[in-house]
PDB file of N, CA and C in Angstrom:
ATOM      1  N   UNK A   1      94.406  80.370  95.652  1.00  0.00           N
ATOM      2  CA  UNK A   1      95.479  81.346  95.653  1.00  0.00           C
ATOM      3  C   UNK A   1      94.930  82.671  96.161  1.00  0.00           C
ATOM      4  N   UNK A   2      95.627  83.256  97.144  1.00  0.00           N
ATOM      5  CA  UNK A   2      95.221  84.558  97.661  1.00  0.00           C
ATOM      6  C   UNK A   2      95.486  85.645  96.636  1.00  0.00           C
ATOM      7  N   UNK A   3      94.527  86.563  96.510  1.00  0.00           N
ATOM      8  CA  UNK A   3      94.739  87.695  95.618  1.00  0.00           C
ATOM      9  C   UNK A   3      95.163  88.928  96.397  1.00  0.00           C
ATOM     10  N   UNK A   4      95.115  88.854  97.713  1.00  0.00           N
ATOM     11  CA  UNK A   4      95.472  89.999  98.548  1.00  0.00           C
ATOM     12  C   UNK A   4      96.895  89.863  99.041  1.00  0.00           C
ATOM     13  N   UNK A   5      97.555  90.989  99.131  1.00  0.00           N
ATOM     14  CA  UNK A   5      98.918  91.015  99.653  1.00  0.00           C
ATOM     15  C   UNK A   5      98.928  91.814 100.939  1.00  0.00           C
ATOM     16  N   UNK A   6      99.844  91.473 101.826  1.00  0.00           N
ATOM     17  CA  UNK A   6      99.967  92.179 103.090  1.00  0.00           C
ATOM     18  C   UNK A   6     100.356  93.632 102.827  1.00  0.00           C
ATOM     19  N   UNK A   7      99.738  94.544 103.563  1.00  0.00           N
ATOM     20  CA  UNK A   7     100.098  95.953 103.470  1.00  0.00           C
ATOM     21  C   UNK A   7     101.148  96.250 104.521  1.00  0.00           C
ATOM     22  N   UNK A   8     102.300  96.667 104.077  1.00  0.00           N
ATOM     23  CA  UNK A   8     103.379  96.997 105.000  1.00  0.00           C
ATOM     24  C   UNK A   8     103.231  98.439 105.453  1.00  0.00           C
ATOM     25  N   UNK A   9     103.532  98.695 106.722  1.00  0.00           N
ATOM     26  CA  UNK A   9     103.463 100.055 107.243  1.00  0.00           C
ATOM     27  C   UNK A   9     104.734 100.801 106.881  1.00  0.00           C
ATOM     28  N   UNK A  10     104.580 102.075 106.546  1.00  0.00           N
ATOM     29  CA  UNK A  10     105.734 102.921 106.273  1.00  0.00           C
ATOM     30  C   UNK A  10     106.342 103.358 107.599  1.00  0.00           C
ATOM     31  N   UNK A  11     107.654 103.438 107.662  1.00  0.00           N
ATOM     32  CA  UNK A  11     108.352 103.792 108.901  1.00  0.00           C
ATOM     33  C   UNK A  11     107.872 105.124 109.462  1.00  0.00           C
ATOM     34  N   UNK A  12     107.703 106.131 108.640  1.00  0.00           N
ATOM     35  CA  UNK A  12     107.276 107.463 109.077  1.00  0.00           C
ATOM     36  C   UNK A  12     105.821 107.732 108.691  1.00  0.00           C
ATOM     37  N   UNK A  13     105.064 106.694 108.390  1.00  0.00           N
ATOM     38  CA  UNK A  13     103.715 106.865 107.862  1.00  0.00           C
ATOM     39  C   UNK A  13     102.643 107.094 108.905  1.00  0.00           C
ATOM     40  N   UNK A  14     101.413 107.099 108.425  1.00  0.00           N
ATOM     41  CA  UNK A  14     100.236 107.299 109.266  1.00  0.00           C
ATOM     42  C   UNK A  14     100.089 106.130 110.234  1.00  0.00           C
ATOM     43  N   UNK A  15      99.452 106.388 111.373  1.00  0.00           N
ATOM     44  CA  UNK A  15      99.172 105.325 112.336  1.00  0.00           C
ATOM     45  C   UNK A  15      97.690 104.975 112.263  1.00  0.00           C
ATOM     46  N   UNK A  16      97.377 103.729 112.518  1.00  0.00           N
ATOM     47  CA  UNK A  16      96.004 103.248 112.390  1.00  0.00           C
ATOM     48  C   UNK A  16      95.549 102.614 113.685  1.00  0.00           C
ATOM     49  N   UNK A  17      94.252 102.621 113.983  1.00  0.00           N
ATOM     50  CA  UNK A  17      93.202 103.256 113.178  1.00  0.00           C
ATOM     51  C   UNK A  17      93.335 104.772 113.242  1.00  0.00           C
ATOM     52  N   UNK A  18      92.773 105.443 112.249  1.00  0.00           N
ATOM     53  CA  UNK A  18      92.833 106.896 112.212  1.00  0.00           C
ATOM     54  C   UNK A  18      91.488 107.458 111.784  1.00  0.00           C
ATOM     55  N   UNK A  19      91.219 108.679 112.177  1.00  0.00           N
ATOM     56  CA  UNK A  19      90.029 109.403 111.753  1.00  0.00           C
ATOM     57  C   UNK A  19      90.474 110.475 110.778  1.00  0.00           C
ATOM     58  N   UNK A  20      89.806 110.548 109.639  1.00  0.00           N
ATOM     59  CA  UNK A  20      90.141 111.570 108.650  1.00  0.00           C
ATOM     60  C   UNK A  20      89.435 112.860 109.056  1.00  0.00           C
ATOM     61  N   UNK A  21      90.206 113.922 109.309  1.00  0.00           N
ATOM     62  CA  UNK A  21      89.603 115.186 109.744  1.00  0.00           C
ATOM     63  C   UNK A  21      88.725 115.806 108.655  1.00  0.00           C
ATOM     64  N   UNK A  22      87.779 116.635 109.073  1.00  0.00           N
ATOM     65  CA  UNK A  22      86.940 117.368 108.119  1.00  0.00           C
ATOM     66  C   UNK A  22      87.842 118.189 107.209  1.00  0.00           C
ATOM     67  N   UNK A  23      87.500 118.227 105.924  1.00  0.00           N
ATOM     68  CA  UNK A  23      88.269 119.004 104.961  1.00  0.00           C
ATOM     69  C   UNK A  23      89.526 118.312 104.464  1.00  0.00           C
ATOM     70  N   UNK A  24      89.714 117.043 104.843  1.00  0.00           N
ATOM     71  CA  UNK A  24      90.893 116.273 104.438  1.00  0.00           C
ATOM     72  C   UNK A  24      90.451 115.020 103.689  1.00  0.00           C
ATOM     73  N   UNK A  25      91.361 114.436 102.915  1.00  0.00           N
ATOM     74  CA  UNK A  25      91.110 113.182 102.214  1.00  0.00           C
ATOM     75  C   UNK A  25      92.209 112.183 102.547  1.00  0.00           C
ATOM     76  N   UNK A  26      91.841 110.912 102.579  1.00  0.00           N
ATOM     77  CA  UNK A  26      92.802 109.817 102.703  1.00  0.00           C
ATOM     78  C   UNK A  26      92.839 109.163 101.332  1.00  0.00           C
ATOM     79  N   UNK A  27      93.956 109.260 100.629  1.00  0.00           N
ATOM     80  CA  UNK A  27      94.040 108.764  99.256  1.00  0.00           C
ATOM     81  C   UNK A  27      94.859 107.478  99.205  1.00  0.00           C
ATOM     82  N   UNK A  28      94.435 106.561  98.335  1.00  0.00           N
ATOM     83  CA  UNK A  28      95.132 105.286  98.161  1.00  0.00           C
ATOM     84  C   UNK A  28      95.474 105.082  96.696  1.00  0.00           C
ATOM     85  N   UNK A  29      96.686 104.590  96.453  1.00  0.00           N
ATOM     86  CA  UNK A  29      97.076 104.223  95.098  1.00  0.00           C
ATOM     87  C   UNK A  29      96.455 102.891  94.721  1.00  0.00           C
ATOM     88  N   UNK A  30      96.429 102.594  93.430  1.00  0.00           N
ATOM     89  CA  UNK A  30      95.779 101.361  92.985  1.00  0.00           C
ATOM     90  C   UNK A  30      96.699 100.139  93.040  1.00  0.00           C
ATOM     91  N   UNK A  31      97.959 100.314  93.353  1.00  0.00           N
ATOM     92  CA  UNK A  31      98.877  99.190  93.522  1.00  0.00           C
ATOM     93  C   UNK A  31      99.417  99.249  94.944  1.00  0.00           C
ATOM     94  N   UNK A  32      98.736  98.596  95.860  1.00  0.00           N
ATOM     95  CA  UNK A  32      99.009  98.800  97.285  1.00  0.00           C
ATOM     96  C   UNK A  32     100.403  98.385  97.722  1.00  0.00           C
ATOM     97  N   UNK A  33     101.081  97.525  96.982  1.00  0.00           N
ATOM     98  CA  UNK A  33     102.423  97.119  97.404  1.00  0.00           C
ATOM     99  C   UNK A  33     103.498  98.115  96.994  1.00  0.00           C
ATOM    100  N   UNK A  34     103.233  98.977  96.009  1.00  0.00           N
ATOM    101  CA  UNK A  34     104.250  99.940  95.570  1.00  0.00           C
ATOM    102  C   UNK A  34     103.782 101.387  95.632  1.00  0.00           C
ATOM    103  N   UNK A  35     102.524 101.629  95.916  1.00  0.00           N
ATOM    104  CA  UNK A  35     102.001 102.997  95.934  1.00  0.00           C
ATOM    105  C   UNK A  35     102.523 103.774  97.138  1.00  0.00           C
ATOM    106  N   UNK A  36     102.820 105.037  96.914  1.00  0.00           N
ATOM    107  CA  UNK A  36     103.153 105.958  98.004  1.00  0.00           C
ATOM    108  C   UNK A  36     101.956 106.887  98.109  1.00  0.00           C
ATOM    109  N   UNK A  37     101.174 106.713  99.165  1.00  0.00           N
ATOM    110  CA  UNK A  37      99.898 107.406  99.283  1.00  0.00           C
ATOM    111  C   UNK A  37      99.690 107.853 100.726  1.00  0.00           C
ATOM    112  N   UNK A  38      98.450 108.016 101.160  1.00  0.00           N
ATOM    113  CA  UNK A  38      98.184 108.514 102.517  1.00  0.00           C
ATOM    114  C   UNK A  38      98.690 107.583 103.612  1.00  0.00           C
ATOM    115  N   UNK A  39      98.961 106.337 103.280  1.00  0.00           N
ATOM    116  CA  UNK A  39      99.577 105.451 104.273  1.00  0.00           C
ATOM    117  C   UNK A  39     100.984 105.928 104.606  1.00  0.00           C
ATOM    118  N   UNK A  40     101.621 106.627 103.661  1.00  0.00           N
ATOM    119  CA  UNK A  40     102.977 107.138 103.871  1.00  0.00           C
ATOM    120  C   UNK A  40     102.991 108.571 104.365  1.00  0.00           C
ATOM    121  N   UNK A  41     102.134 109.417 103.795  1.00  0.00           N
ATOM    122  CA  UNK A  41     102.225 110.841 104.126  1.00  0.00           C
ATOM    123  C   UNK A  41     101.000 111.419 104.800  1.00  0.00           C
ATOM    124  N   UNK A  42     100.039 110.591 105.162  1.00  0.00           N
ATOM    125  CA  UNK A  42      98.859 111.074 105.883  1.00  0.00           C
ATOM    126  C   UNK A  42      97.806 111.688 104.971  1.00  0.00           C
ATOM    127  N   UNK A  43      96.868 112.391 105.575  1.00  0.00           N
ATOM    128  CA  UNK A  43      95.762 112.979 104.818  1.00  0.00           C
ATOM    129  C   UNK A  43      96.226 114.226 104.072  1.00  0.00           C
ATOM    130  N   UNK A  44      95.430 114.625 103.077  1.00  0.00           N
ATOM    131  CA  UNK A  44      95.737 115.831 102.306  1.00  0.00           C
ATOM    132  C   UNK A  44      94.524 116.753 102.316  1.00  0.00           C
ATOM    133  N   UNK A  45      94.750 118.069 102.201  1.00  0.00           N
ATOM    134  CA  UNK A  45      93.629 119.012 102.165  1.00  0.00           C
ATOM    135  C   UNK A  45      92.783 118.795 100.909  1.00  0.00           C
ATOM    136  N   UNK A  46      91.467 118.776 101.074  1.00  0.00           N
ATOM    137  CA  UNK A  46      90.570 118.532  99.949  1.00  0.00           C
ATOM    138  C   UNK A  46      90.730 119.595  98.862  1.00  0.00           C
ATOM    139  N   UNK A  47      91.079 120.832  99.238  1.00  0.00           N
ATOM    140  CA  UNK A  47      91.221 121.888  98.237  1.00  0.00           C
ATOM    141  C   UNK A  47      92.475 121.697  97.376  1.00  0.00           C
ATOM    142  N   UNK A  48      93.361 120.791  97.759  1.00  0.00           N
ATOM    143  CA  UNK A  48      94.557 120.504  96.960  1.00  0.00           C
ATOM    144  C   UNK A  48      94.313 119.409  95.926  1.00  0.00           C
ATOM    145  N   UNK A  49      93.078 118.980  95.758  1.00  0.00           N
ATOM    146  CA  UNK A  49      92.767 117.897  94.826  1.00  0.00           C
ATOM    147  C   UNK A  49      91.815 118.373  93.736  1.00  0.00           C
ATOM    148  N   UNK A  50      91.834 117.651  92.633  1.00  0.00           N
ATOM    149  CA  UNK A  50      90.905 117.884  91.526  1.00  0.00           C
ATOM    150  C   UNK A  50      90.379 116.519  91.111  1.00  0.00           C
ATOM    151  N   UNK A  51      89.109 116.420  90.879  1.00  0.00           N
ATOM    152  CA  UNK A  51      88.564 115.140  90.466  1.00  0.00           C
ATOM    153  C   UNK A  51      87.060 115.107  90.571  1.00  0.00           C
ATOM    154  N   UNK A  52      86.508 113.943  90.327  1.00  0.00           N
ATOM    155  CA  UNK A  52      85.065 113.750  90.336  1.00  0.00           C
ATOM    156  C   UNK A  52      84.765 112.459  91.091  1.00  0.00           C
ATOM    157  N   UNK A  53      83.856 112.524  92.048  1.00  0.00           N
ATOM    158  CA  UNK A  53      83.448 111.329  92.790  1.00  0.00           C
ATOM    159  C   UNK A  53      82.588 110.474  91.871  1.00  0.00           C
ATOM    160  N   UNK A  54      82.954 109.205  91.713  1.00  0.00           N
ATOM    161  CA  UNK A  54      82.163 108.301  90.886  1.00  0.00           C
ATOM    162  C   UNK A  54      81.477 107.222  91.714  1.00  0.00           C
ATOM    163  N   UNK A  55      81.988 106.931  92.911  1.00  0.00           N
ATOM    164  CA  UNK A  55      81.381 105.935  93.792  1.00  0.00           C
ATOM    165  C   UNK A  55      81.683 106.297  95.240  1.00  0.00           C
ATOM    166  N   UNK A  56      80.701 106.103  96.092  1.00  0.00           N
ATOM    167  CA  UNK A  56      80.895 106.281  97.525  1.00  0.00           C
ATOM    168  C   UNK A  56      80.605 104.942  98.185  1.00  0.00           C
ATOM    169  N   UNK A  57      81.575 104.411  98.912  1.00  0.00           N
ATOM    170  CA  UNK A  57      81.403 103.138  99.608  1.00  0.00           C
ATOM    171  C   UNK A  57      81.148 103.416 101.074  1.00  0.00           C
ATOM    172  N   UNK A  58      80.124 102.797 101.621  1.00  0.00           N
ATOM    173  CA  UNK A  58      79.798 102.984 103.037  1.00  0.00           C
ATOM    174  C   UNK A  58      79.511 101.640 103.676  1.00  0.00           C
ATOM    175  N   UNK A  59      79.861 101.562 104.944  1.00  0.00           N
ATOM    176  CA  UNK A  59      79.504 100.373 105.709  1.00  0.00           C
ATOM    177  C   UNK A  59      78.125 100.576 106.295  1.00  0.00           C
ATOM    178  N   UNK A  60      77.435  99.489 106.534  1.00  0.00           N
ATOM    179  CA  UNK A  60      76.121  99.581 107.179  1.00  0.00           C
ATOM    180  C   UNK A  60      76.246 100.219 108.537  1.00  0.00           C
ATOM    181  N   UNK A  61      75.270 101.054 108.872  1.00  0.00           N
ATOM    182  CA  UNK A  61      75.271 101.695 110.171  1.00  0.00           C
ATOM    183  C   UNK A  61      75.980 103.033 110.193  1.00  0.00           C
ATOM    184  N   UNK A  62      76.510 103.468 109.047  1.00  0.00           N
ATOM    185  CA  UNK A  62      77.187 104.764 108.992  1.00  0.00           C
ATOM    186  C   UNK A  62      76.382 105.730 108.158  1.00  0.00           C
TER     187      UNK A  62
END
């Protein structure tokens, strides 16, 4: 049984692939089928957020 669900694109949402500009964040909700996040409204200014980084994920070669 697949645990992943297809991610639907929002009609007015961000286009992919995309580069996140310096000083901006791409945020994702934890329920990808119902979350309204950066896929819908694009990146947000980092100064508009509050939080603490607990993990950084990187691909090899970056």
